[in-house]
Structures are given as C-alpha cells and as structure tokens.
Amino acid sequence: KHLAKGMRLIADHLYGGDAVPALDGHRA
C-alpha cells in the first residue's frame, strides 16, 4: 500500500497529476 501510494505521488509530482506521459514524451 505504501509503495503504491508513494509511486502514485511521485508520478503526480513528476507529471502534474492529471496525465500520464506518452511514449513520445508528450502528455497523454
């Protein structure tokens, strides 16, 4: 649970929390 939460928070921090990165580096 802590790992899932931590990874989600890291992704939110790195990618803005509203989108996931696409393979080409642009936001999906």
PDB file of all heavy atoms in Angstrom:
ATOM      1  N   LYS A   1       0.821  -1.211   0.000  1.00  0.00           N
ATOM      2  CA  LYS A   1       0.000   0.000   0.000  1.00  0.00           C
ATOM      3  C   LYS A   1       0.856   1.264   0.000  1.00  0.00           C
ATOM      4  O   LYS A   1       0.596   2.195  -0.749  1.00  0.00           O
ATOM      5  CB  LYS A   1      -0.944   0.009   1.205  1.00  0.00           C
ATOM      6  CG  LYS A   1      -2.064  -0.995   1.090  1.00  0.00           C
ATOM      7  CD  LYS A   1      -2.957  -0.953   2.307  1.00  0.00           C
ATOM      8  CE  LYS A   1      -4.073  -1.971   2.202  1.00  0.00           C
ATOM      9  NZ  LYS A   1      -4.981  -1.909   3.350  1.00  0.00           N
ATOM     10  N   HIS A   2       1.906   1.279   0.829  1.00  0.00           N
ATOM     11  CA  HIS A   2       2.785   2.448   0.871  1.00  0.00           C
ATOM     12  C   HIS A   2       3.547   2.613  -0.440  1.00  0.00           C
ATOM     13  O   HIS A   2       3.739   3.738  -0.908  1.00  0.00           O
ATOM     14  CB  HIS A   2       3.766   2.347   2.038  1.00  0.00           C
ATOM     15  CG  HIS A   2       3.173   2.676   3.362  1.00  0.00           C
ATOM     16  ND1 HIS A   2       2.613   3.902   3.670  1.00  0.00           N
ATOM     17  CD2 HIS A   2       3.052   1.929   4.482  1.00  0.00           C
ATOM     18  CE1 HIS A   2       2.183   3.899   4.909  1.00  0.00           C
ATOM     19  NE2 HIS A   2       2.428   2.703   5.424  1.00  0.00           N
ATOM     20  N   LEU A   3       3.972   1.503  -1.033  1.00  0.00           N
ATOM     21  CA  LEU A   3       4.682   1.579  -2.302  1.00  0.00           C
ATOM     22  C   LEU A   3       3.774   2.127  -3.398  1.00  0.00           C
ATOM     23  O   LEU A   3       4.174   3.017  -4.155  1.00  0.00           O
ATOM     24  CB  LEU A   3       5.229   0.205  -2.700  1.00  0.00           C
ATOM     25  CG  LEU A   3       6.040   0.176  -3.987  1.00  0.00           C
ATOM     26  CD1 LEU A   3       7.279   1.054  -3.891  1.00  0.00           C
ATOM     27  CD2 LEU A   3       6.423  -1.257  -4.325  1.00  0.00           C
ATOM     28  N   ALA A   4       2.552   1.629  -3.465  1.00  0.00           N
ATOM     29  CA  ALA A   4       1.610   2.114  -4.479  1.00  0.00           C
ATOM     30  C   ALA A   4       1.333   3.602  -4.283  1.00  0.00           C
ATOM     31  O   ALA A   4       1.345   4.382  -5.248  1.00  0.00           O
ATOM     32  CB  ALA A   4       0.312   1.316  -4.417  1.00  0.00           C
ATOM     33  N   LYS A   5       1.094   4.006  -3.041  1.00  0.00           N
ATOM     34  CA  LYS A   5       0.835   5.422  -2.759  1.00  0.00           C
ATOM     35  C   LYS A   5       2.056   6.265  -3.111  1.00  0.00           C
ATOM     36  O   LYS A   5       1.941   7.310  -3.755  1.00  0.00           O
ATOM     37  CB  LYS A   5       0.476   5.601  -1.288  1.00  0.00           C
ATOM     38  CG  LYS A   5       0.228   7.051  -0.910  1.00  0.00           C
ATOM     39  CD  LYS A   5      -0.128   7.176   0.560  1.00  0.00           C
ATOM     40  CE  LYS A   5      -0.362   8.628   0.949  1.00  0.00           C
ATOM     41  NZ  LYS A   5      -0.729   8.739   2.366  1.00  0.00           N
ATOM     42  N   GLY A   6       3.229   5.814  -2.700  1.00  0.00           N
ATOM     43  CA  GLY A   6       4.449   6.562  -2.975  1.00  0.00           C
ATOM     44  C   GLY A   6       4.713   6.717  -4.456  1.00  0.00           C
ATOM     45  O   GLY A   6       5.056   7.810  -4.926  1.00  0.00           O
ATOM     46  N   MET A   7       4.547   5.657  -5.218  1.00  0.00           N
ATOM     47  CA  MET A   7       4.790   5.728  -6.659  1.00  0.00           C
ATOM     48  C   MET A   7       3.768   6.641  -7.340  1.00  0.00           C
ATOM     49  O   MET A   7       4.118   7.382  -8.264  1.00  0.00           O
ATOM     50  CB  MET A   7       4.775   4.329  -7.280  1.00  0.00           C
ATOM     51  CG  MET A   7       5.876   3.414  -6.732  1.00  0.00           C
ATOM     52  SD  MET A   7       7.540   4.098  -6.831  1.00  0.00           S
ATOM     53  CE  MET A   7       7.799   4.055  -8.585  1.00  0.00           C
ATOM     54  N   ARG A   8       2.509   6.592  -6.876  1.00  0.00           N
ATOM     55  CA  ARG A   8       1.486   7.480  -7.431  1.00  0.00           C
ATOM     56  C   ARG A   8       1.836   8.940  -7.142  1.00  0.00           C
ATOM     57  O   ARG A   8       1.745   9.806  -8.020  1.00  0.00           O
ATOM     58  CB  ARG A   8       0.117   7.133  -6.864  1.00  0.00           C
ATOM     59  CG  ARG A   8      -1.012   7.949  -7.515  1.00  0.00           C
ATOM     60  CD  ARG A   8      -2.369   7.681  -6.883  1.00  0.00           C
ATOM     61  NE  ARG A   8      -2.410   8.277  -5.549  1.00  0.00           N
ATOM     62  CZ  ARG A   8      -2.486   7.611  -4.400  1.00  0.00           C
ATOM     63  NH1 ARG A   8      -2.537   6.298  -4.398  1.00  0.00           N
ATOM     64  NH2 ARG A   8      -2.514   8.227  -3.251  1.00  0.00           N
ATOM     65  N   LEU A   9       2.262   9.237  -5.915  1.00  0.00           N
ATOM     66  CA  LEU A   9       2.620  10.605  -5.554  1.00  0.00           C
ATOM     67  C   LEU A   9       3.845  11.091  -6.326  1.00  0.00           C
ATOM     68  O   LEU A   9       3.903  12.254  -6.732  1.00  0.00           O
ATOM     69  CB  LEU A   9       2.854  10.713  -4.048  1.00  0.00           C
ATOM     70  CG  LEU A   9       1.611  10.549  -3.174  1.00  0.00           C
ATOM     71  CD1 LEU A   9       2.002  10.461  -1.700  1.00  0.00           C
ATOM     72  CD2 LEU A   9       0.627  11.690  -3.410  1.00  0.00           C
ATOM     73  N   ILE A  10       4.808  10.209  -6.531  1.00  0.00           N
ATOM     74  CA  ILE A  10       5.975  10.584  -7.333  1.00  0.00           C
ATOM     75  C   ILE A  10       5.553  10.900  -8.765  1.00  0.00           C
ATOM     76  O   ILE A  10       5.971  11.900  -9.345  1.00  0.00           O
ATOM     77  CB  ILE A  10       7.044   9.475  -7.303  1.00  0.00           C
ATOM     78  CG1 ILE A  10       7.705   9.439  -5.921  1.00  0.00           C
ATOM     79  CG2 ILE A  10       8.095   9.682  -8.396  1.00  0.00           C
ATOM     80  CD1 ILE A  10       8.619   8.251  -5.711  1.00  0.00           C
ATOM     81  N   ALA A  11       4.714  10.048  -9.344  1.00  0.00           N
ATOM     82  CA  ALA A  11       4.229  10.291 -10.706  1.00  0.00           C
ATOM     83  C   ALA A  11       3.461  11.603 -10.780  1.00  0.00           C
ATOM     84  O   ALA A  11       3.640  12.375 -11.725  1.00  0.00           O
ATOM     85  CB  ALA A  11       3.360   9.130 -11.181  1.00  0.00           C
ATOM     86  N   ASP A  12       2.616  11.863  -9.775  1.00  0.00           N
ATOM     87  CA  ASP A  12       1.882  13.130  -9.747  1.00  0.00           C
ATOM     88  C   ASP A  12       2.844  14.313  -9.717  1.00  0.00           C
ATOM     89  O   ASP A  12       2.644  15.308 -10.407  1.00  0.00           O
ATOM     90  CB  ASP A  12       0.955  13.200  -8.531  1.00  0.00           C
ATOM     91  CG  ASP A  12      -0.264  12.320  -8.648  1.00  0.00           C
ATOM     92  OD1 ASP A  12      -0.515  11.774  -9.746  1.00  0.00           O
ATOM     93  OD2 ASP A  12      -0.963  12.162  -7.639  1.00  0.00           O
ATOM     94  N   HIS A  13       3.894  14.203  -8.913  1.00  0.00           N
ATOM     95  CA  HIS A  13       4.876  15.280  -8.811  1.00  0.00           C
ATOM     96  C   HIS A  13       5.605  15.482 -10.137  1.00  0.00           C
ATOM     97  O   HIS A  13       5.784  16.613 -10.591  1.00  0.00           O
ATOM     98  CB  HIS A  13       5.878  14.967  -7.698  1.00  0.00           C
ATOM     99  CG  HIS A  13       6.888  16.040  -7.474  1.00  0.00           C
ATOM    100  ND1 HIS A  13       6.643  17.103  -6.637  1.00  0.00           N
ATOM    101  CD2 HIS A  13       8.126  16.232  -7.981  1.00  0.00           C
ATOM    102  CE1 HIS A  13       7.697  17.901  -6.636  1.00  0.00           C
ATOM    103  NE2 HIS A  13       8.609  17.389  -7.440  1.00  0.00           N
ATOM    104  N   LEU A  14       6.005  14.390 -10.756  1.00  0.00           N
ATOM    105  CA  LEU A  14       6.783  14.488 -11.982  1.00  0.00           C
ATOM    106  C   LEU A  14       5.956  14.856 -13.199  1.00  0.00           C
ATOM    107  O   LEU A  14       6.434  15.547 -14.095  1.00  0.00           O
ATOM    108  CB  LEU A  14       7.515  13.165 -12.254  1.00  0.00           C
ATOM    109  CG  LEU A  14       8.577  12.771 -11.230  1.00  0.00           C
ATOM    110  CD1 LEU A  14       9.148  11.400 -11.580  1.00  0.00           C
ATOM    111  CD2 LEU A  14       9.682  13.809 -11.152  1.00  0.00           C
ATOM    112  N   TYR A  15       4.700  14.397 -13.240  1.00  0.00           N
ATOM    113  CA  TYR A  15       3.887  14.578 -14.441  1.00  0.00           C
ATOM    114  C   TYR A  15       2.670  15.456 -14.232  1.00  0.00           C
ATOM    115  O   TYR A  15       1.788  15.501 -15.077  1.00  0.00           O
ATOM    116  CB  TYR A  15       3.459  13.212 -14.988  1.00  0.00           C
ATOM    117  CG  TYR A  15       4.628  12.321 -15.278  1.00  0.00           C
ATOM    118  CD1 TYR A  15       4.822  11.152 -14.566  1.00  0.00           C
ATOM    119  CD2 TYR A  15       5.550  12.663 -16.246  1.00  0.00           C
ATOM    120  CE1 TYR A  15       5.912  10.331 -14.831  1.00  0.00           C
ATOM    121  CE2 TYR A  15       6.650  11.856 -16.504  1.00  0.00           C
ATOM    122  CZ  TYR A  15       6.812  10.699 -15.794  1.00  0.00           C
ATOM    123  OH  TYR A  15       7.892   9.894 -16.046  1.00  0.00           O
ATOM    124  N   GLY A  16       2.563  16.112 -13.106  1.00  0.00           N
ATOM    125  CA  GLY A  16       1.479  17.060 -12.897  1.00  0.00           C
ATOM    126  C   GLY A  16       0.203  16.473 -12.348  1.00  0.00           C
ATOM    127  O   GLY A  16      -0.742  17.197 -12.127  1.00  0.00           O
ATOM    128  N   GLY A  17       0.103  15.185 -12.177  1.00  0.00           N
ATOM    129  CA  GLY A  17      -1.044  14.571 -11.540  1.00  0.00           C
ATOM    130  C   GLY A  17      -2.285  14.429 -12.385  1.00  0.00           C
ATOM    131  O   GLY A  17      -3.214  13.764 -11.992  1.00  0.00           O
ATOM    132  N   ASP A  18      -2.324  15.043 -13.576  1.00  0.00           N
ATOM    133  CA  ASP A  18      -3.552  14.970 -14.365  1.00  0.00           C
ATOM    134  C   ASP A  18      -3.381  14.186 -15.654  1.00  0.00           C
ATOM    135  O   ASP A  18      -4.314  14.027 -16.414  1.00  0.00           O
ATOM    136  CB  ASP A  18      -4.058  16.371 -14.695  1.00  0.00           C
ATOM    137  CG  ASP A  18      -3.050  17.184 -15.487  1.00  0.00           C
ATOM    138  OD1 ASP A  18      -1.884  16.763 -15.586  1.00  0.00           O
ATOM    139  OD2 ASP A  18      -3.422  18.247 -16.004  1.00  0.00           O
ATOM    140  N   ALA A  19      -2.203  13.696 -15.898  1.00  0.00           N
ATOM    141  CA  ALA A  19      -1.976  12.951 -17.128  1.00  0.00           C
ATOM    142  C   ALA A  19      -0.788  12.024 -16.931  1.00  0.00           C
ATOM    143  O   ALA A  19       0.026  12.223 -16.038  1.00  0.00           O
ATOM    144  CB  ALA A  19      -1.699  13.906 -18.291  1.00  0.00           C
ATOM    145  N   VAL A  20      -0.718  11.038 -17.771  1.00  0.00           N
ATOM    146  CA  VAL A  20       0.427  10.141 -17.747  1.00  0.00           C
ATOM    147  C   VAL A  20       1.282  10.448 -18.967  1.00  0.00           C
ATOM    148  O   VAL A  20       0.773  10.891 -19.992  1.00  0.00           O
ATOM    149  CB  VAL A  20      -0.009   8.661 -17.752  1.00  0.00           C
ATOM    150  CG1 VAL A  20      -0.739   8.320 -16.476  1.00  0.00           C
ATOM    151  CG2 VAL A  20      -0.862   8.349 -18.955  1.00  0.00           C
ATOM    152  N   PRO A  21       2.595  10.217 -18.885  1.00  0.00           N
ATOM    153  CA  PRO A  21       3.434  10.515 -20.044  1.00  0.00           C
ATOM    154  C   PRO A  21       3.193   9.501 -21.157  1.00  0.00           C
ATOM    155  O   PRO A  21       2.994   8.321 -20.897  1.00  0.00           O
ATOM    156  CB  PRO A  21       4.854  10.379 -19.498  1.00  0.00           C
ATOM    157  CG  PRO A  21       4.715   9.440 -18.353  1.00  0.00           C
ATOM    158  CD  PRO A  21       3.340   9.690 -17.779  1.00  0.00           C
ATOM    159  N   ALA A  22       3.178   9.972 -22.365  1.00  0.00           N
ATOM    160  CA  ALA A  22       3.073   9.080 -23.512  1.00  0.00           C
ATOM    161  C   ALA A  22       4.477   8.609 -23.882  1.00  0.00           C
ATOM    162  O   ALA A  22       5.473   9.160 -23.417  1.00  0.00           O
ATOM    163  CB  ALA A  22       2.429   9.821 -24.687  1.00  0.00           C
ATOM    164  N   LEU A  23       4.568   7.613 -24.730  1.00  0.00           N
ATOM    165  CA  LEU A  23       5.865   7.084 -25.109  1.00  0.00           C
ATOM    166  C   LEU A  23       6.721   8.110 -25.833  1.00  0.00           C
ATOM    167  O   LEU A  23       7.939   8.065 -25.765  1.00  0.00           O
ATOM    168  CB  LEU A  23       5.691   5.839 -25.978  1.00  0.00           C
ATOM    169  CG  LEU A  23       5.061   4.639 -25.268  1.00  0.00           C
ATOM    170  CD1 LEU A  23       4.879   3.506 -26.254  1.00  0.00           C
ATOM    171  CD2 LEU A  23       5.907   4.202 -24.091  1.00  0.00           C
ATOM    172  N   ASP A  24       6.108   9.065 -26.520  1.00  0.00           N
ATOM    173  CA  ASP A  24       6.887  10.056 -27.260  1.00  0.00           C
ATOM    174  C   ASP A  24       7.290  11.243 -26.395  1.00  0.00           C
ATOM    175  O   ASP A  24       7.860  12.212 -26.880  1.00  0.00           O
ATOM    176  CB  ASP A  24       6.108  10.545 -28.483  1.00  0.00           C
ATOM    177  CG  ASP A  24       4.821  11.263 -28.132  1.00  0.00           C
ATOM    178  OD1 ASP A  24       4.520  11.428 -26.926  1.00  0.00           O
ATOM    179  OD2 ASP A  24       4.112  11.673 -29.054  1.00  0.00           O
ATOM    180  N   GLY A  25       7.005  11.194 -25.087  1.00  0.00           N
ATOM    181  CA  GLY A  25       7.411  12.264 -24.185  1.00  0.00           C
ATOM    182  C   GLY A  25       6.372  13.349 -23.996  1.00  0.00           C
ATOM    183  O   GLY A  25       6.517  14.203 -23.142  1.00  0.00           O
ATOM    184  N   HIS A  26       5.314  13.341 -24.800  1.00  0.00           N
ATOM    185  CA  HIS A  26       4.242  14.316 -24.629  1.00  0.00           C
ATOM    186  C   HIS A  26       3.228  13.770 -23.635  1.00  0.00           C
ATOM    187  O   HIS A  26       3.155  12.581 -23.398  1.00  0.00           O
ATOM    188  CB  HIS A  26       3.556  14.607 -25.974  1.00  0.00           C
ATOM    189  CG  HIS A  26       4.463  15.293 -26.932  1.00  0.00           C
ATOM    190  ND1 HIS A  26       5.245  14.586 -27.815  1.00  0.00           N
ATOM    191  CD2 HIS A  26       4.747  16.595 -27.118  1.00  0.00           C
ATOM    192  CE1 HIS A  26       5.953  15.444 -28.525  1.00  0.00           C
ATOM    193  NE2 HIS A  26       5.679  16.659 -28.126  1.00  0.00           N
ATOM    194  N   ARG A  27       2.432  14.649 -23.098  1.00  0.00           N
ATOM    195  CA  ARG A  27       1.419  14.190 -22.152  1.00  0.00           C
ATOM    196  C   ARG A  27       0.282  13.491 -22.877  1.00  0.00           C
ATOM    197  O   ARG A  27      -0.169  13.920 -23.914  1.00  0.00           O
ATOM    198  CB  ARG A  27       0.857  15.362 -21.362  1.00  0.00           C
ATOM    199  CG  ARG A  27       1.837  15.831 -20.359  1.00  0.00           C
ATOM    200  CD  ARG A  27       1.213  16.863 -19.482  1.00  0.00           C
ATOM    201  NE  ARG A  27       2.194  17.178 -18.477  1.00  0.00           N
ATOM    202  CZ  ARG A  27       1.921  17.275 -17.199  1.00  0.00           C
ATOM    203  NH1 ARG A  27       0.720  17.118 -16.777  1.00  0.00           N
ATOM    204  NH2 ARG A  27       2.850  17.554 -16.338  1.00  0.00           N
ATOM    205  N   ALA A  28      -0.131  12.420 -22.256  1.00  0.00           N
ATOM    206  CA  ALA A  28      -1.282  11.694 -22.769  1.00  0.00           C
ATOM    207  C   ALA A  28      -2.532  12.236 -22.088  1.00  0.00           C
ATOM    208  O   ALA A  28      -2.450  12.989 -21.124  1.00  0.00           O
ATOM    209  CB  ALA A  28      -1.127  10.205 -22.475  1.00  0.00           C
TER     210      ALA A  28
END
